[in-house]
């Protein structure tokens, strides 16, 4: 499927939307029914929100399943569809650019994240914002439900990132994050960006809040990335982020004279 597919604008009220839940998906047709049902339940405890799914060039029935679920249980659902696979960071940018909420929440579409965690994380973000700068809130996965090889690879990657970037985040690749849309759109965009948000947000003065969340086994299917390609791409991206942070120079304050 090519082009963009979305709900009719009449189904949404821009002025009322405070939170946009953005989910990038690739060939997740079997996981989507449970994910959407849990989202519908979780949204009852959230500020007025919309859900934006971005299909990153799926070859299965992902878009058709989402259209059906919009009618069945999630009328606030919007569907954006890439004409080809562009990567998770590109898909998230598509969704966040199109989002109507001031706040953005991201989760994965494979069922490993529990949408019921979002209420607590959104509250933490809003409380921090009343005290000063709006934060990045990361839902840290304390007990991973992946295989041992992936857990080992993730632990190694997180340790290397912390050592080289000093981002103060034990789980930089955690899918569940809360932040303000305007802060994300200020960041330089590249594929792999989503794995480095704590370090990049810190360069722009955005404080970090970490909070433990549950992590569940994948419902169906398998990860789209192997440990090897994660490692190769991750090292290249890490060097790039180090360069970006070194070249980012921002004033502490600005006044008009």
C-alpha atoms as a PDB file:
ATOM      1  CA  UNK A   1       0.000   0.000   0.000  1.00  0.00           C
ATOM      2  CA  UNK A   2       1.374   3.406  -0.922  1.00  0.00           C
ATOM      3  CA  UNK A   3       0.714   6.917   0.300  1.00  0.00           C
ATOM      4  CA  UNK A   4      -0.879   7.938   3.562  1.00  0.00           C
ATOM      5  CA  UNK A   5      -3.994   6.383   5.030  1.00  0.00           C
ATOM      6  CA  UNK A   6      -5.653   8.195   7.910  1.00  0.00           C
ATOM      7  CA  UNK A   7      -8.913   8.634   9.676  1.00  0.00           C
ATOM      8  CA  UNK A   8     -11.210  11.372   8.510  1.00  0.00           C
ATOM      9  CA  UNK A   9     -10.345  14.745  10.081  1.00  0.00           C
ATOM     10  CA  UNK A  10     -13.922  14.970  11.324  1.00  0.00           C
ATOM     11  CA  UNK A  11     -13.200  12.106  13.710  1.00  0.00           C
ATOM     12  CA  UNK A  12     -10.693  14.173  15.696  1.00  0.00           C
ATOM     13  CA  UNK A  13     -10.779  17.400  17.661  1.00  0.00           C
ATOM     14  CA  UNK A  14      -7.368  19.077  17.468  1.00  0.00           C
ATOM     15  CA  UNK A  15      -8.094  21.514  20.293  1.00  0.00           C
ATOM     16  CA  UNK A  16      -8.912  18.771  22.790  1.00  0.00           C
ATOM     17  CA  UNK A  17      -5.977  16.436  22.150  1.00  0.00           C
ATOM     18  CA  UNK A  18      -3.348  16.613  24.907  1.00  0.00           C
ATOM     19  CA  UNK A  19      -1.509  13.358  24.268  1.00  0.00           C
ATOM     20  CA  UNK A  20      -0.582  11.462  21.115  1.00  0.00           C
ATOM     21  CA  UNK A  21       0.403   7.804  21.476  1.00  0.00           C
ATOM     22  CA  UNK A  22       2.668   7.030  18.521  1.00  0.00           C
ATOM     23  CA  UNK A  23       3.403   3.424  17.534  1.00  0.00           C
ATOM     24  CA  UNK A  24       5.622   2.321  14.642  1.00  0.00           C
ATOM     25  CA  UNK A  25       4.734  -1.139  13.301  1.00  0.00           C
ATOM     26  CA  UNK A  26       6.075  -3.528  10.683  1.00  0.00           C
ATOM     27  CA  UNK A  27       4.231  -6.779   9.928  1.00  0.00           C
ATOM     28  CA  UNK A  28       2.440  -6.947  13.280  1.00  0.00           C
ATOM     29  CA  UNK A  29      -1.057  -7.994  12.143  1.00  0.00           C
ATOM     30  CA  UNK A  30      -1.348 -10.779  14.733  1.00  0.00           C
ATOM     31  CA  UNK A  31      -0.325  -8.593  17.687  1.00  0.00           C
ATOM     32  CA  UNK A  32      -2.511  -5.590  16.917  1.00  0.00           C
ATOM     33  CA  UNK A  33      -5.904  -6.782  18.253  1.00  0.00           C
ATOM     34  CA  UNK A  34      -4.622  -7.202  21.814  1.00  0.00           C
ATOM     35  CA  UNK A  35      -2.493  -4.059  21.637  1.00  0.00           C
ATOM     36  CA  UNK A  36      -5.471  -1.970  20.510  1.00  0.00           C
ATOM     37  CA  UNK A  37      -7.836  -3.445  23.084  1.00  0.00           C
ATOM     38  CA  UNK A  38      -5.338  -2.664  25.844  1.00  0.00           C
ATOM     39  CA  UNK A  39      -4.870   0.857  24.482  1.00  0.00           C
ATOM     40  CA  UNK A  40      -8.627   1.439  24.516  1.00  0.00           C
ATOM     41  CA  UNK A  41      -8.717   0.373  28.174  1.00  0.00           C
ATOM     42  CA  UNK A  42      -5.675   2.428  29.156  1.00  0.00           C
ATOM     43  CA  UNK A  43      -6.965   5.588  27.490  1.00  0.00           C
ATOM     44  CA  UNK A  44      -9.816   5.765  29.985  1.00  0.00           C
ATOM     45  CA  UNK A  45      -7.222   6.803  32.598  1.00  0.00           C
ATOM     46  CA  UNK A  46      -5.284   9.208  30.350  1.00  0.00           C
ATOM     47  CA  UNK A  47      -5.744  12.844  29.306  1.00  0.00           C
ATOM     48  CA  UNK A  48      -7.696  13.292  26.073  1.00  0.00           C
ATOM     49  CA  UNK A  49      -5.568  11.363  23.606  1.00  0.00           C
ATOM     50  CA  UNK A  50      -5.249  10.039  20.085  1.00  0.00           C
ATOM     51  CA  UNK A  51      -3.410   6.942  18.862  1.00  0.00           C
ATOM     52  CA  UNK A  52      -1.216   7.253  15.766  1.00  0.00           C
ATOM     53  CA  UNK A  53      -0.019   4.030  14.175  1.00  0.00           C
ATOM     54  CA  UNK A  54       2.651   4.314  11.489  1.00  0.00           C
ATOM     55  CA  UNK A  55       2.911   1.287   9.224  1.00  0.00           C
ATOM     56  CA  UNK A  56       6.497   1.115   7.970  1.00  0.00           C
ATOM     57  CA  UNK A  57       5.892  -0.690   4.691  1.00  0.00           C
ATOM     58  CA  UNK A  58       4.327  -3.894   6.037  1.00  0.00           C
ATOM     59  CA  UNK A  59       3.883  -6.833   3.679  1.00  0.00           C
ATOM     60  CA  UNK A  60       1.069  -8.419   5.695  1.00  0.00           C
ATOM     61  CA  UNK A  61      -2.431  -7.156   6.580  1.00  0.00           C
ATOM     62  CA  UNK A  62      -1.293  -4.653   9.233  1.00  0.00           C
ATOM     63  CA  UNK A  63      -3.142  -1.677   7.730  1.00  0.00           C
ATOM     64  CA  UNK A  64      -6.351  -3.615   7.101  1.00  0.00           C
ATOM     65  CA  UNK A  65      -6.337  -4.973  10.668  1.00  0.00           C
ATOM     66  CA  UNK A  66      -5.830  -1.463  12.052  1.00  0.00           C
ATOM     67  CA  UNK A  67      -8.736  -0.144   9.973  1.00  0.00           C
ATOM     68  CA  UNK A  68     -10.990  -2.859  11.376  1.00  0.00           C
ATOM     69  CA  UNK A  69      -9.858  -2.194  14.946  1.00  0.00           C
ATOM     70  CA  UNK A  70     -10.521   1.520  14.523  1.00  0.00           C
ATOM     71  CA  UNK A  71     -14.152   0.684  13.837  1.00  0.00           C
ATOM     72  CA  UNK A  72     -14.399  -1.943  16.567  1.00  0.00           C
ATOM     73  CA  UNK A  73     -12.706  -0.462  19.624  1.00  0.00           C
ATOM     74  CA  UNK A  74     -10.467   2.544  18.989  1.00  0.00           C
ATOM     75  CA  UNK A  75     -12.209   5.427  17.187  1.00  0.00           C
ATOM     76  CA  UNK A  76      -9.350   7.840  17.996  1.00  0.00           C
ATOM     77  CA  UNK A  77      -6.966   5.705  15.937  1.00  0.00           C
ATOM     78  CA  UNK A  78      -5.131   7.319  13.032  1.00  0.00           C
ATOM     79  CA  UNK A  79      -3.217   5.255  10.477  1.00  0.00           C
ATOM     80  CA  UNK A  80      -0.260   6.542   8.485  1.00  0.00           C
ATOM     81  CA  UNK A  81       1.372   4.206   5.970  1.00  0.00           C
ATOM     82  CA  UNK A  82       4.845   4.403   4.406  1.00  0.00           C
ATOM     83  CA  UNK A  83       5.072   3.187   0.812  1.00  0.00           C
ATOM     84  CA  UNK A  84       8.257   1.300   1.710  1.00  0.00           C
ATOM     85  CA  UNK A  85      10.254   0.343   4.784  1.00  0.00           C
ATOM     86  CA  UNK A  86      12.175   3.351   6.094  1.00  0.00           C
ATOM     87  CA  UNK A  87      13.106   2.252   9.632  1.00  0.00           C
ATOM     88  CA  UNK A  88      11.667   2.751  13.092  1.00  0.00           C
ATOM     89  CA  UNK A  89      13.091   6.228  13.667  1.00  0.00           C
ATOM     90  CA  UNK A  90      11.652   7.458  10.372  1.00  0.00           C
ATOM     91  CA  UNK A  91       8.275   5.935  11.240  1.00  0.00           C
ATOM     92  CA  UNK A  92       8.266   7.595  14.651  1.00  0.00           C
ATOM     93  CA  UNK A  93       9.124  10.930  13.075  1.00  0.00           C
ATOM     94  CA  UNK A  94       6.232  10.531  10.617  1.00  0.00           C
ATOM     95  CA  UNK A  95       3.825   9.894  13.489  1.00  0.00           C
ATOM     96  CA  UNK A  96       5.171  12.619  15.775  1.00  0.00           C
ATOM     97  CA  UNK A  97       5.163  15.197  12.979  1.00  0.00           C
ATOM     98  CA  UNK A  98       1.512  14.387  12.252  1.00  0.00           C
ATOM     99  CA  UNK A  99       0.537  14.184  15.937  1.00  0.00           C
ATOM    100  CA  UNK A 100      -1.901  16.697  17.409  1.00  0.00           C
ATOM    101  CA  UNK A 101      -0.938  16.315  21.063  1.00  0.00           C
ATOM    102  CA  UNK A 102       1.430  18.513  23.062  1.00  0.00           C
ATOM    103  CA  UNK A 103       2.763  15.379  24.740  1.00  0.00           C
ATOM    104  CA  UNK A 104       3.978  12.290  22.873  1.00  0.00           C
ATOM    105  CA  UNK A 105       3.973   8.748  24.232  1.00  0.00           C
ATOM    106  CA  UNK A 106       5.729   5.970  22.326  1.00  0.00           C
ATOM    107  CA  UNK A 107       5.288   2.226  22.778  1.00  0.00           C
ATOM    108  CA  UNK A 108       5.990  -0.797  20.599  1.00  0.00           C
ATOM    109  CA  UNK A 109       3.277  -2.628  18.698  1.00  0.00           C
ATOM    110  CA  UNK A 110       4.363  -6.186  19.491  1.00  0.00           C
ATOM    111  CA  UNK A 111       2.524  -6.522  22.810  1.00  0.00           C
ATOM    112  CA  UNK A 112       5.635  -6.501  24.996  1.00  0.00           C
ATOM    113  CA  UNK A 113       4.747  -3.094  26.456  1.00  0.00           C
ATOM    114  CA  UNK A 114       1.753  -2.663  28.770  1.00  0.00           C
ATOM    115  CA  UNK A 115      -0.215   0.475  27.822  1.00  0.00           C
ATOM    116  CA  UNK A 116      -1.544   0.660  31.376  1.00  0.00           C
ATOM    117  CA  UNK A 117       1.908   1.927  32.370  1.00  0.00           C
ATOM    118  CA  UNK A 118       1.325   5.118  30.398  1.00  0.00           C
ATOM    119  CA  UNK A 119      -0.894   6.775  33.015  1.00  0.00           C
ATOM    120  CA  UNK A 120       1.853   6.774  35.643  1.00  0.00           C
ATOM    121  CA  UNK A 121       4.504   7.984  33.221  1.00  0.00           C
ATOM    122  CA  UNK A 122       2.335  10.789  31.856  1.00  0.00           C
ATOM    123  CA  UNK A 123       1.621  11.953  35.412  1.00  0.00           C
ATOM    124  CA  UNK A 124       5.349  11.977  36.197  1.00  0.00           C
ATOM    125  CA  UNK A 125       6.000  14.053  33.091  1.00  0.00           C
ATOM    126  CA  UNK A 126       3.280  16.562  33.898  1.00  0.00           C
ATOM    127  CA  UNK A 127       4.383  16.961  37.521  1.00  0.00           C
ATOM    128  CA  UNK A 128       7.989  17.546  36.452  1.00  0.00           C
ATOM    129  CA  UNK A 129       6.826  20.088  33.868  1.00  0.00           C
ATOM    130  CA  UNK A 130       5.075  22.140  36.559  1.00  0.00           C
ATOM    131  CA  UNK A 131       8.378  22.386  38.429  1.00  0.00           C
ATOM    132  CA  UNK A 132      10.376  23.611  35.460  1.00  0.00           C
ATOM    133  CA  UNK A 133      11.489  22.148  32.148  1.00  0.00           C
ATOM    134  CA  UNK A 134       9.279  19.446  30.615  1.00  0.00           C
ATOM    135  CA  UNK A 135      11.172  16.138  30.844  1.00  0.00           C
ATOM    136  CA  UNK A 136      11.819  12.994  28.890  1.00  0.00           C
ATOM    137  CA  UNK A 137      10.332  10.113  30.889  1.00  0.00           C
ATOM    138  CA  UNK A 138      11.713   6.649  30.102  1.00  0.00           C
ATOM    139  CA  UNK A 139       9.987   3.438  31.152  1.00  0.00           C
ATOM    140  CA  UNK A 140      12.959   1.289  32.149  1.00  0.00           C
ATOM    141  CA  UNK A 141      12.459  -2.445  31.575  1.00  0.00           C
ATOM    142  CA  UNK A 142      13.768  -3.973  34.799  1.00  0.00           C
ATOM    143  CA  UNK A 143      13.020  -7.607  33.934  1.00  0.00           C
ATOM    144  CA  UNK A 144      13.372  -8.243  30.227  1.00  0.00           C
ATOM    145  CA  UNK A 145      11.313 -11.075  28.748  1.00  0.00           C
ATOM    146  CA  UNK A 146      13.540 -11.566  25.697  1.00  0.00           C
ATOM    147  CA  UNK A 147      15.913 -14.441  25.036  1.00  0.00           C
ATOM    148  CA  UNK A 148      19.272 -14.519  26.836  1.00  0.00           C
ATOM    149  CA  UNK A 149      21.264 -13.498  23.746  1.00  0.00           C
ATOM    150  CA  UNK A 150      19.182 -10.386  23.202  1.00  0.00           C
ATOM    151  CA  UNK A 151      19.302  -9.502  26.894  1.00  0.00           C
ATOM    152  CA  UNK A 152      23.081  -9.834  26.843  1.00  0.00           C
ATOM    153  CA  UNK A 153      23.390  -7.718  23.693  1.00  0.00           C
ATOM    154  CA  UNK A 154      21.131  -5.037  25.160  1.00  0.00           C
ATOM    155  CA  UNK A 155      23.013  -4.988  28.461  1.00  0.00           C
ATOM    156  CA  UNK A 156      26.317  -4.610  26.616  1.00  0.00           C
ATOM    157  CA  UNK A 157      24.978  -1.855  24.349  1.00  0.00           C
ATOM    158  CA  UNK A 158      23.461   0.077  27.264  1.00  0.00           C
ATOM    159  CA  UNK A 159      26.715  -0.153  29.203  1.00  0.00           C
ATOM    160  CA  UNK A 160      28.747   1.103  26.241  1.00  0.00           C
ATOM    161  CA  UNK A 161      26.335   3.989  25.618  1.00  0.00           C
ATOM    162  CA  UNK A 162      26.395   5.050  29.259  1.00  0.00           C
ATOM    163  CA  UNK A 163      30.187   4.955  29.360  1.00  0.00           C
ATOM    164  CA  UNK A 164      30.668   6.988  26.178  1.00  0.00           C
ATOM    165  CA  UNK A 165      27.637   9.298  26.320  1.00  0.00           C
ATOM    166  CA  UNK A 166      27.047   9.514  30.083  1.00  0.00           C
ATOM    167  CA  UNK A 167      23.323   9.751  29.409  1.00  0.00           C
ATOM    168  CA  UNK A 168      22.335   8.558  32.919  1.00  0.00           C
ATOM    169  CA  UNK A 169      19.773   6.148  31.456  1.00  0.00           C
ATOM    170  CA  UNK A 170      20.032   2.395  32.145  1.00  0.00           C
ATOM    171  CA  UNK A 171      17.735   1.472  29.212  1.00  0.00           C
ATOM    172  CA  UNK A 172      18.101   3.971  26.376  1.00  0.00           C
ATOM    173  CA  UNK A 173      16.348   1.708  23.876  1.00  0.00           C
ATOM    174  CA  UNK A 174      13.235   1.324  26.042  1.00  0.00           C
ATOM    175  CA  UNK A 175      10.143   1.658  23.812  1.00  0.00           C
ATOM    176  CA  UNK A 176       7.946   3.447  26.383  1.00  0.00           C
ATOM    177  CA  UNK A 177       8.851   7.117  26.504  1.00  0.00           C
ATOM    178  CA  UNK A 178       6.967  10.359  27.226  1.00  0.00           C
ATOM    179  CA  UNK A 179       8.147  13.765  25.990  1.00  0.00           C
ATOM    180  CA  UNK A 180       6.894  16.979  24.458  1.00  0.00           C
ATOM    181  CA  UNK A 181       6.404  16.990  20.706  1.00  0.00           C
ATOM    182  CA  UNK A 182       8.172  20.315  20.217  1.00  0.00           C
ATOM    183  CA  UNK A 183      11.310  18.975  21.924  1.00  0.00           C
ATOM    184  CA  UNK A 184      11.498  15.943  19.644  1.00  0.00           C
ATOM    185  CA  UNK A 185      11.112  18.003  16.477  1.00  0.00           C
ATOM    186  CA  UNK A 186      14.149  20.095  17.446  1.00  0.00           C
ATOM    187  CA  UNK A 187      16.432  17.056  17.276  1.00  0.00           C
ATOM    188  CA  UNK A 188      18.576  16.195  14.237  1.00  0.00           C
ATOM    189  CA  UNK A 189      16.912  13.298  12.460  1.00  0.00           C
ATOM    190  CA  UNK A 190      18.610  10.034  11.461  1.00  0.00           C
ATOM    191  CA  UNK A 191      17.753   6.343  11.503  1.00  0.00           C
ATOM    192  CA  UNK A 192      18.579   4.975  14.953  1.00  0.00           C
ATOM    193  CA  UNK A 193      17.613   8.224  16.676  1.00  0.00           C
ATOM    194  CA  UNK A 194      15.082   6.461  18.926  1.00  0.00           C
ATOM    195  CA  UNK A 195      17.892   4.541  20.684  1.00  0.00           C
ATOM    196  CA  UNK A 196      19.680   7.735  21.745  1.00  0.00           C
ATOM    197  CA  UNK A 197      16.896  10.029  22.923  1.00  0.00           C
ATOM    198  CA  UNK A 198      18.193  10.497  26.512  1.00  0.00           C
ATOM    199  CA  UNK A 199      21.601  11.719  25.288  1.00  0.00           C
ATOM    200  CA  UNK A 200      20.175  13.890  22.517  1.00  0.00           C
ATOM    201  CA  UNK A 201      17.435  15.434  24.664  1.00  0.00           C
ATOM    202  CA  UNK A 202      20.050  16.214  27.328  1.00  0.00           C
ATOM    203  CA  UNK A 203      21.998  18.252  24.757  1.00  0.00           C
ATOM    204  CA  UNK A 204      18.926  20.486  24.475  1.00  0.00           C
ATOM    205  CA  UNK A 205      18.457  20.859  28.222  1.00  0.00           C
ATOM    206  CA  UNK A 206      15.618  18.346  28.606  1.00  0.00           C
ATOM    207  CA  UNK A 207      15.828  16.597  32.013  1.00  0.00           C
ATOM    208  CA  UNK A 208      15.532  12.832  32.308  1.00  0.00           C
ATOM    209  CA  UNK A 209      13.121  10.886  34.534  1.00  0.00           C
ATOM    210  CA  UNK A 210      13.439   7.078  34.673  1.00  0.00           C
ATOM    211  CA  UNK A 211      10.688   4.850  36.040  1.00  0.00           C
ATOM    212  CA  UNK A 212      10.514   1.026  36.112  1.00  0.00           C
ATOM    213  CA  UNK A 213       7.910  -0.685  33.926  1.00  0.00           C
ATOM    214  CA  UNK A 214       6.927  -4.274  33.239  1.00  0.00           C
ATOM    215  CA  UNK A 215       8.070  -6.079  30.112  1.00  0.00           C
ATOM    216  CA  UNK A 216       6.245  -9.013  28.567  1.00  0.00           C
ATOM    217  CA  UNK A 217       7.081 -11.742  26.056  1.00  0.00           C
ATOM    218  CA  UNK A 218       6.277 -10.930  22.435  1.00  0.00           C
ATOM    219  CA  UNK A 219       2.771 -12.121  21.571  1.00  0.00           C
ATOM    220  CA  UNK A 220       3.430 -13.362  18.020  1.00  0.00           C
ATOM    221  CA  UNK A 221       6.188 -13.245  15.440  1.00  0.00           C
ATOM    222  CA  UNK A 222       9.776 -12.230  16.031  1.00  0.00           C
ATOM    223  CA  UNK A 223      11.951  -9.139  16.216  1.00  0.00           C
ATOM    224  CA  UNK A 224      12.796  -7.483  12.902  1.00  0.00           C
ATOM    225  CA  UNK A 225      16.431  -7.016  13.946  1.00  0.00           C
ATOM    226  CA  UNK A 226      19.186  -9.526  14.754  1.00  0.00           C
ATOM    227  CA  UNK A 227      21.729  -8.967  17.494  1.00  0.00           C
ATOM    228  CA  UNK A 228      24.451  -8.698  14.831  1.00  0.00           C
ATOM    229  CA  UNK A 229      22.851  -5.939  12.783  1.00  0.00           C
ATOM    230  CA  UNK A 230      21.883  -4.096  15.963  1.00  0.00           C
ATOM    231  CA  UNK A 231      25.526  -4.190  17.055  1.00  0.00           C
ATOM    232  CA  UNK A 232      26.992  -3.039  13.735  1.00  0.00           C
ATOM    233  CA  UNK A 233      24.500  -0.224  13.241  1.00  0.00           C
ATOM    234  CA  UNK A 234      24.587   0.684  16.932  1.00  0.00           C
ATOM    235  CA  UNK A 235      28.346   1.297  16.999  1.00  0.00           C
ATOM    236  CA  UNK A 236      28.159   3.481  13.895  1.00  0.00           C
ATOM    237  CA  UNK A 237      25.256   5.457  15.325  1.00  0.00           C
ATOM    238  CA  UNK A 238      26.988   5.808  18.690  1.00  0.00           C
ATOM    239  CA  UNK A 239      29.972   7.468  17.037  1.00  0.00           C
ATOM    240  CA  UNK A 240      27.607   9.751  15.144  1.00  0.00           C
ATOM    241  CA  UNK A 241      25.762  10.778  18.301  1.00  0.00           C
ATOM    242  CA  UNK A 242      29.062  11.515  20.038  1.00  0.00           C
ATOM    243  CA  UNK A 243      29.936  13.819  17.135  1.00  0.00           C
ATOM    244  CA  UNK A 244      26.510  15.490  17.209  1.00  0.00           C
ATOM    245  CA  UNK A 245      26.692  16.168  20.944  1.00  0.00           C
ATOM    246  CA  UNK A 246      30.187  17.593  20.604  1.00  0.00           C
ATOM    247  CA  UNK A 247      28.994  19.955  17.856  1.00  0.00           C
ATOM    248  CA  UNK A 248      25.817  21.102  19.635  1.00  0.00           C
ATOM    249  CA  UNK A 249      26.323  24.500  21.262  1.00  0.00           C
ATOM    250  CA  UNK A 250      23.296  26.188  22.810  1.00  0.00           C
ATOM    251  CA  UNK A 251      22.975  29.264  25.072  1.00  0.00           C
ATOM    252  CA  UNK A 252      21.804  28.797  28.633  1.00  0.00           C
ATOM    253  CA  UNK A 253      19.363  31.693  28.232  1.00  0.00           C
ATOM    254  CA  UNK A 254      18.196  34.139  25.579  1.00  0.00           C
ATOM    255  CA  UNK A 255      16.927  37.693  26.094  1.00  0.00           C
ATOM    256  CA  UNK A 256      15.568  40.193  23.646  1.00  0.00           C
ATOM    257  CA  UNK A 257      17.258  43.602  23.886  1.00  0.00           C
END
